N, C-alpha and C. Protein backbone atom coordinates (compact mmCIF):
# COMPACT_ATOMS: atom_id res chain seq x y z
N MET A 1 -5.46 -55.35 -29.14
CA MET A 1 -4.08 -55.94 -28.17
C MET A 1 -4.44 -55.38 -27.29
N ARG A 2 -4.41 -55.76 -25.60
CA ARG A 2 -4.17 -55.21 -24.53
C ARG A 2 -2.65 -54.80 -24.44
N ASP A 3 -3.35 -53.43 -23.87
CA ASP A 3 -1.64 -52.69 -23.36
C ASP A 3 -1.02 -53.21 -21.96
N GLU A 4 0.02 -53.03 -21.85
CA GLU A 4 1.07 -53.56 -20.80
C GLU A 4 0.72 -53.33 -18.97
N GLU A 5 0.09 -51.96 -19.04
CA GLU A 5 -0.57 -52.06 -17.66
C GLU A 5 -1.74 -52.63 -17.52
N GLU A 6 -2.60 -53.03 -18.41
CA GLU A 6 -3.91 -53.85 -18.55
C GLU A 6 -3.62 -55.47 -18.17
N ILE A 7 -2.51 -56.13 -18.64
CA ILE A 7 -1.89 -57.62 -18.49
C ILE A 7 -1.29 -57.28 -17.41
N ARG A 8 -0.94 -56.00 -16.84
CA ARG A 8 0.01 -56.47 -15.52
C ARG A 8 -1.36 -56.54 -14.48
N GLU A 9 -2.17 -55.52 -14.43
CA GLU A 9 -3.23 -55.47 -13.85
C GLU A 9 -3.71 -57.04 -13.57
N GLN A 10 -3.93 -57.57 -14.96
CA GLN A 10 -4.59 -59.06 -14.72
C GLN A 10 -3.75 -60.31 -13.80
N TYR A 11 -2.44 -59.81 -14.13
CA TYR A 11 -1.80 -60.97 -13.69
C TYR A 11 -1.65 -60.57 -11.96
N GLU A 12 -1.71 -59.46 -11.66
CA GLU A 12 -2.06 -59.54 -10.43
C GLU A 12 -3.25 -59.91 -9.50
N PHE A 13 -3.96 -59.67 -10.17
CA PHE A 13 -5.37 -60.08 -9.82
C PHE A 13 -5.19 -61.42 -9.85
N LEU A 14 -4.74 -62.17 -10.80
CA LEU A 14 -4.59 -63.73 -10.71
C LEU A 14 -3.77 -63.93 -9.58
N THR A 15 -2.52 -63.20 -9.43
CA THR A 15 -1.78 -63.60 -8.44
C THR A 15 -2.80 -63.80 -7.20
N GLU A 16 -3.52 -62.70 -6.81
CA GLU A 16 -3.96 -62.52 -5.43
C GLU A 16 -4.73 -63.55 -5.33
N GLN A 17 -5.78 -63.86 -6.24
CA GLN A 17 -6.96 -64.73 -6.33
C GLN A 17 -6.21 -66.26 -6.03
N LEU A 18 -5.10 -66.37 -6.79
CA LEU A 18 -4.35 -67.74 -6.08
C LEU A 18 -3.83 -67.97 -5.12
N GLU A 19 -3.29 -67.06 -4.64
CA GLU A 19 -2.81 -67.21 -3.12
C GLU A 19 -3.72 -66.81 -2.06
N SER A 20 -5.51 -66.87 -2.37
CA SER A 20 -6.25 -66.73 -1.23
C SER A 20 -6.28 -67.65 -0.67
N GLU A 21 -7.05 -67.93 0.13
CA GLU A 21 -7.66 -69.34 1.63
C GLU A 21 -8.33 -69.25 0.80
N ASP A 22 -9.62 -68.94 -0.16
CA ASP A 22 -10.75 -69.26 -0.76
C ASP A 22 -10.50 -70.12 -1.68
N MET A 23 -9.33 -70.32 -2.53
CA MET A 23 -8.84 -71.34 -3.30
C MET A 23 -8.28 -71.96 -3.00
N ASP A 24 -9.60 -73.13 -2.60
CA ASP A 24 -9.28 -74.41 -1.85
C ASP A 24 -8.87 -75.83 -3.25
N HIS A 25 -9.98 -75.76 -3.68
CA HIS A 25 -10.27 -76.45 -4.99
C HIS A 25 -9.23 -76.75 -6.04
N GLU A 26 -8.88 -77.61 -5.85
CA GLU A 26 -7.10 -77.71 -6.70
C GLU A 26 -7.55 -77.46 -8.18
N GLY A 27 -9.01 -78.09 -8.67
CA GLY A 27 -9.09 -78.21 -10.25
C GLY A 27 -9.09 -76.30 -10.44
N VAL A 28 -10.13 -75.52 -9.64
CA VAL A 28 -9.74 -74.28 -9.75
C VAL A 28 -8.60 -73.57 -9.67
N ARG A 29 -7.72 -74.07 -8.49
CA ARG A 29 -5.99 -73.62 -8.48
C ARG A 29 -5.47 -74.03 -9.82
N GLN A 30 -5.50 -74.80 -10.20
CA GLN A 30 -4.53 -75.10 -11.36
C GLN A 30 -5.23 -74.06 -12.58
N MET A 31 -6.51 -74.17 -12.69
CA MET A 31 -6.40 -73.18 -13.67
C MET A 31 -5.74 -71.80 -13.73
N PHE A 32 -6.32 -71.27 -12.31
CA PHE A 32 -5.38 -69.71 -11.97
C PHE A 32 -3.75 -70.07 -12.59
N THR A 33 -3.14 -71.42 -12.05
CA THR A 33 -1.60 -71.61 -12.40
C THR A 33 -1.67 -71.16 -13.71
N TYR A 34 -2.27 -71.72 -14.92
CA TYR A 34 -1.78 -71.63 -16.10
C TYR A 34 -2.22 -70.38 -16.47
N TYR A 35 -3.52 -69.90 -16.19
CA TYR A 35 -3.54 -68.06 -16.16
C TYR A 35 -2.25 -67.48 -16.29
N LYS A 36 -1.79 -67.61 -15.15
CA LYS A 36 -0.66 -67.16 -14.50
C LYS A 36 0.53 -67.21 -15.33
N ARG A 37 1.12 -68.30 -15.69
CA ARG A 37 1.77 -68.57 -16.44
C ARG A 37 1.78 -68.26 -17.92
N ALA A 38 0.85 -68.02 -18.01
CA ALA A 38 0.54 -67.62 -19.73
C ALA A 38 0.64 -66.35 -19.99
N ILE A 39 0.09 -65.42 -18.95
CA ILE A 39 0.19 -64.21 -19.15
C ILE A 39 1.74 -63.76 -18.71
N GLY A 40 2.63 -64.23 -17.84
CA GLY A 40 3.88 -64.43 -17.43
C GLY A 40 4.48 -64.68 -18.75
N TRP A 41 4.55 -65.54 -19.04
CA TRP A 41 4.78 -65.50 -20.75
C TRP A 41 4.83 -64.34 -21.65
N VAL A 42 3.79 -63.89 -21.43
CA VAL A 42 3.64 -62.77 -22.58
C VAL A 42 4.23 -61.72 -22.35
N LEU A 43 4.04 -61.18 -21.19
CA LEU A 43 5.16 -60.33 -20.44
C LEU A 43 6.40 -60.35 -20.87
N GLU A 44 7.20 -61.46 -20.77
CA GLU A 44 8.86 -61.87 -21.03
C GLU A 44 8.72 -61.64 -22.72
N GLU A 45 7.68 -62.36 -23.15
CA GLU A 45 8.21 -62.42 -24.92
C GLU A 45 8.14 -60.58 -25.23
N GLU A 46 7.34 -60.13 -24.58
CA GLU A 46 7.57 -58.38 -25.06
C GLU A 46 8.69 -58.12 -24.54
N HIS A 47 9.40 -58.08 -23.75
CA HIS A 47 10.52 -57.32 -22.81
C HIS A 47 11.87 -58.50 -23.77
N MET A 48 11.85 -59.03 -24.65
CA MET A 48 12.90 -59.82 -25.38
C MET A 48 13.46 -58.87 -26.06
């Protein structure tokens, strides 16, 4: 299992990638959105 710091770093990386102007292909944007959402849910569940 990954530690919280590694998960947060991955979440921040995905957020930056999603907001990048190079990310203009809709399919790729959608994929990053799903990953970002999934990682957010993991972080949320751990702190409930």
